[in-house]
Amino acid sequence: MIISTNGFMNESLTLNGDASLQFGEVVKISDNNTVAACADGDAFCGIISHEKNGICAVQLHGTVTVPFTGTAPKAGYVKLCADGAKGVKSGTGREYLVLSVNSVNGTVTFIL
């Protein structure tokens, strides 16, 4: 049996950003209806799912897979924060349900 969590409760908003934001990057609210890249240790609100000319689709809920740095998170509820390099790391942020960790590829799949 193949396991798939793609599409689970995906919810996105269209917000202002800038052209430097990239698909899969964690972001934070920086101003009214605007997102920006996260610095190391920041709490994040979502993940960029599309960017064009400074307009960003930001996934706020659902299952996502992003890069991680530092010690690999464990499956289960884990506190995650931005790593300042477009991904996440275990830290002092919000608690998320980690579904899987791929240490070979350096990615973590969790529910926002």
C-alpha atoms as a PDB file:
ATOM      1  CA  MET A   1       0.000   0.000   0.000  1.00  0.00           C
ATOM      2  CA  ILE A   2       1.299   3.454  -0.902  1.00  0.00           C
ATOM      3  CA  ILE A   3       1.094   6.153   1.775  1.00  0.00           C
ATOM      4  CA  SER A   4       0.284   9.689   0.657  1.00  0.00           C
ATOM      5  CA  THR A   5      -0.393  12.812   2.701  1.00  0.00           C
ATOM      6  CA  ASN A   6      -0.414  15.186  -0.298  1.00  0.00           C
ATOM      7  CA  GLY A   7      -3.332  17.582  -0.308  1.00  0.00           C
ATOM      8  CA  PHE A   8      -4.400  16.959   3.298  1.00  0.00           C
ATOM      9  CA  MET A   9      -6.304  20.058   4.479  1.00  0.00           C
ATOM     10  CA  ASN A  10      -4.246  22.352   2.212  1.00  0.00           C
ATOM     11  CA  GLU A  11      -5.235  25.987   2.682  1.00  0.00           C
ATOM     12  CA  SER A  12      -3.446  28.952   1.132  1.00  0.00           C
ATOM     13  CA  LEU A  13      -3.716  32.732   1.003  1.00  0.00           C
ATOM     14  CA  THR A  14      -2.463  35.146  -1.631  1.00  0.00           C
ATOM     15  CA  LEU A  15      -0.250  37.762   0.018  1.00  0.00           C
ATOM     16  CA  ASN A  16       2.310  40.378  -0.959  1.00  0.00           C
ATOM     17  CA  GLY A  17       5.964  39.404  -0.817  1.00  0.00           C
ATOM     18  CA  ASP A  18       8.955  39.942  -3.030  1.00  0.00           C
ATOM     19  CA  ALA A  19      10.529  38.233  -6.000  1.00  0.00           C
ATOM     20  CA  SER A  20      13.338  36.730  -3.880  1.00  0.00           C
ATOM     21  CA  LEU A  21      10.921  34.321  -2.152  1.00  0.00           C
ATOM     22  CA  GLN A  22      11.037  30.795  -3.542  1.00  0.00           C
ATOM     23  CA  PHE A  23       8.825  27.724  -3.636  1.00  0.00           C
ATOM     24  CA  GLY A  24       9.074  25.743  -0.396  1.00  0.00           C
ATOM     25  CA  GLU A  25      10.547  28.585   1.671  1.00  0.00           C
ATOM     26  CA  VAL A  26       9.191  29.221   5.175  1.00  0.00           C
ATOM     27  CA  VAL A  27       7.902  32.775   5.676  1.00  0.00           C
ATOM     28  CA  LYS A  28       6.547  35.094   8.354  1.00  0.00           C
ATOM     29  CA  ILE A  29       4.070  37.971   8.320  1.00  0.00           C
ATOM     30  CA  SER A  30       6.142  41.150   8.039  1.00  0.00           C
ATOM     31  CA  ASP A  31       3.511  43.849   7.422  1.00  0.00           C
ATOM     32  CA  ASN A  32      -0.158  44.157   6.507  1.00  0.00           C
ATOM     33  CA  ASN A  33      -0.974  41.296   4.100  1.00  0.00           C
ATOM     34  CA  THR A  34       2.755  40.833   3.448  1.00  0.00           C
ATOM     35  CA  VAL A  35       5.186  37.960   4.009  1.00  0.00           C
ATOM     36  CA  ALA A  36       8.974  37.960   4.185  1.00  0.00           C
ATOM     37  CA  ALA A  37      11.789  35.458   4.515  1.00  0.00           C
ATOM     38  CA  CYS A  38      12.443  34.203   8.026  1.00  0.00           C
ATOM     39  CA  ALA A  39      15.633  34.785   9.970  1.00  0.00           C
ATOM     40  CA  ASP A  40      17.240  32.061  12.074  1.00  0.00           C
ATOM     41  CA  GLY A  41      14.971  31.193  15.005  1.00  0.00           C
ATOM     42  CA  ASP A  42      11.864  33.001  13.710  1.00  0.00           C
ATOM     43  CA  ALA A  43       8.419  31.490  14.075  1.00  0.00           C
ATOM     44  CA  PHE A  44       6.945  30.935  10.618  1.00  0.00           C
ATOM     45  CA  CYS A  45       3.348  31.214   9.421  1.00  0.00           C
ATOM     46  CA  GLY A  46       3.527  29.162   6.241  1.00  0.00           C
ATOM     47  CA  ILE A  47       5.323  27.945   3.162  1.00  0.00           C
ATOM     48  CA  ILE A  48       5.587  29.608  -0.260  1.00  0.00           C
ATOM     49  CA  SER A  49       3.693  27.462  -2.757  1.00  0.00           C
ATOM     50  CA  HIS A  50       3.956  29.958  -5.641  1.00  0.00           C
ATOM     51  CA  GLU A  51       5.502  33.392  -6.296  1.00  0.00           C
ATOM     52  CA  LYS A  52       5.106  35.676  -9.287  1.00  0.00           C
ATOM     53  CA  ASN A  53       6.051  39.361  -9.442  1.00  0.00           C
ATOM     54  CA  GLY A  54       5.988  39.731  -5.666  1.00  0.00           C
ATOM     55  CA  ILE A  55       2.584  38.093  -5.205  1.00  0.00           C
ATOM     56  CA  CYS A  56       2.818  34.895  -3.175  1.00  0.00           C
ATOM     57  CA  ALA A  57       0.553  31.937  -2.543  1.00  0.00           C
ATOM     58  CA  VAL A  58       1.330  30.945   1.055  1.00  0.00           C
ATOM     59  CA  GLN A  59       0.224  27.551   2.344  1.00  0.00           C
ATOM     60  CA  LEU A  60      -0.986  28.044   5.924  1.00  0.00           C
ATOM     61  CA  HIS A  61      -2.414  24.583   6.645  1.00  0.00           C
ATOM     62  CA  GLY A  62      -1.894  21.066   5.434  1.00  0.00           C
ATOM     63  CA  THR A  63       1.026  18.752   4.907  1.00  0.00           C
ATOM     64  CA  VAL A  64       4.359  20.202   3.736  1.00  0.00           C
ATOM     65  CA  THR A  65       7.874  18.897   3.124  1.00  0.00           C
ATOM     66  CA  VAL A  66      10.761  21.318   3.646  1.00  0.00           C
ATOM     67  CA  PRO A  67      14.523  21.119   4.208  1.00  0.00           C
ATOM     68  CA  PHE A  68      15.851  20.986   7.762  1.00  0.00           C
ATOM     69  CA  THR A  69      19.230  21.837   9.256  1.00  0.00           C
ATOM     70  CA  GLY A  70      20.888  20.719  12.445  1.00  0.00           C
ATOM     71  CA  THR A  71      19.747  17.654  14.340  1.00  0.00           C
ATOM     72  CA  ALA A  72      17.057  15.719  12.490  1.00  0.00           C
ATOM     73  CA  PRO A  73      13.625  16.185  14.078  1.00  0.00           C
ATOM     74  CA  LYS A  74      11.848  13.066  15.341  1.00  0.00           C
ATOM     75  CA  ALA A  75       8.406  11.874  14.259  1.00  0.00           C
ATOM     76  CA  GLY A  76       5.641  13.091  16.559  1.00  0.00           C
ATOM     77  CA  TYR A  77       5.003  16.533  18.014  1.00  0.00           C
ATOM     78  CA  VAL A  78       8.147  18.662  17.708  1.00  0.00           C
ATOM     79  CA  LYS A  79       8.869  22.373  18.147  1.00  0.00           C
ATOM     80  CA  LEU A  80      10.139  23.827  14.862  1.00  0.00           C
ATOM     81  CA  CYS A  81      11.392  27.285  13.913  1.00  0.00           C
ATOM     82  CA  ALA A  82      12.978  28.812  10.820  1.00  0.00           C
ATOM     83  CA  ASP A  83      16.647  28.045  10.236  1.00  0.00           C
ATOM     84  CA  GLY A  84      17.415  31.261   8.321  1.00  0.00           C
ATOM     85  CA  ALA A  85      18.256  29.192   5.229  1.00  0.00           C
ATOM     86  CA  LYS A  86      14.691  28.830   3.840  1.00  0.00           C
ATOM     87  CA  GLY A  87      13.954  25.693   5.906  1.00  0.00           C
ATOM     88  CA  VAL A  88      13.349  24.666   9.500  1.00  0.00           C
ATOM     89  CA  LYS A  89      15.189  23.313  12.507  1.00  0.00           C
ATOM     90  CA  SER A  90      14.221  21.861  15.862  1.00  0.00           C
ATOM     91  CA  GLY A  91      13.959  24.743  18.257  1.00  0.00           C
ATOM     92  CA  THR A  92      11.746  26.902  20.377  1.00  0.00           C
ATOM     93  CA  GLY A  93       9.008  27.572  17.831  1.00  0.00           C
ATOM     94  CA  ARG A  94       5.481  26.203  17.634  1.00  0.00           C
ATOM     95  CA  GLU A  95       4.779  22.530  17.977  1.00  0.00           C
ATOM     96  CA  TYR A  96       3.995  20.682  14.732  1.00  0.00           C
ATOM     97  CA  LEU A  97       3.094  17.058  14.025  1.00  0.00           C
ATOM     98  CA  VAL A  98       6.105  15.609  12.181  1.00  0.00           C
ATOM     99  CA  LEU A  99       5.007  12.711   9.986  1.00  0.00           C
ATOM    100  CA  SER A 100       8.366  11.697   8.539  1.00  0.00           C
ATOM    101  CA  VAL A 101      12.014  12.691   8.358  1.00  0.00           C
ATOM    102  CA  ASN A 102      14.323  11.908   5.442  1.00  0.00           C
ATOM    103  CA  SER A 103      17.837  12.271   6.832  1.00  0.00           C
ATOM    104  CA  VAL A 104      19.407  11.338   3.483  1.00  0.00           C
ATOM    105  CA  ASN A 105      17.681  14.207   1.649  1.00  0.00           C
ATOM    106  CA  GLY A 106      17.564  16.501   4.692  1.00  0.00           C
ATOM    107  CA  THR A 107      13.786  16.993   4.577  1.00  0.00           C
ATOM    108  CA  VAL A 108      10.986  16.854   7.103  1.00  0.00           C
ATOM    109  CA  THR A 109       7.276  16.344   6.387  1.00  0.00           C
ATOM    110  CA  PHE A 110       4.855  17.848   8.883  1.00  0.00           C
ATOM    111  CA  ILE A 111       1.370  19.315   9.267  1.00  0.00           C
ATOM    112  CA  LEU A 112       1.166  23.102   9.471  1.00  0.00           C
END
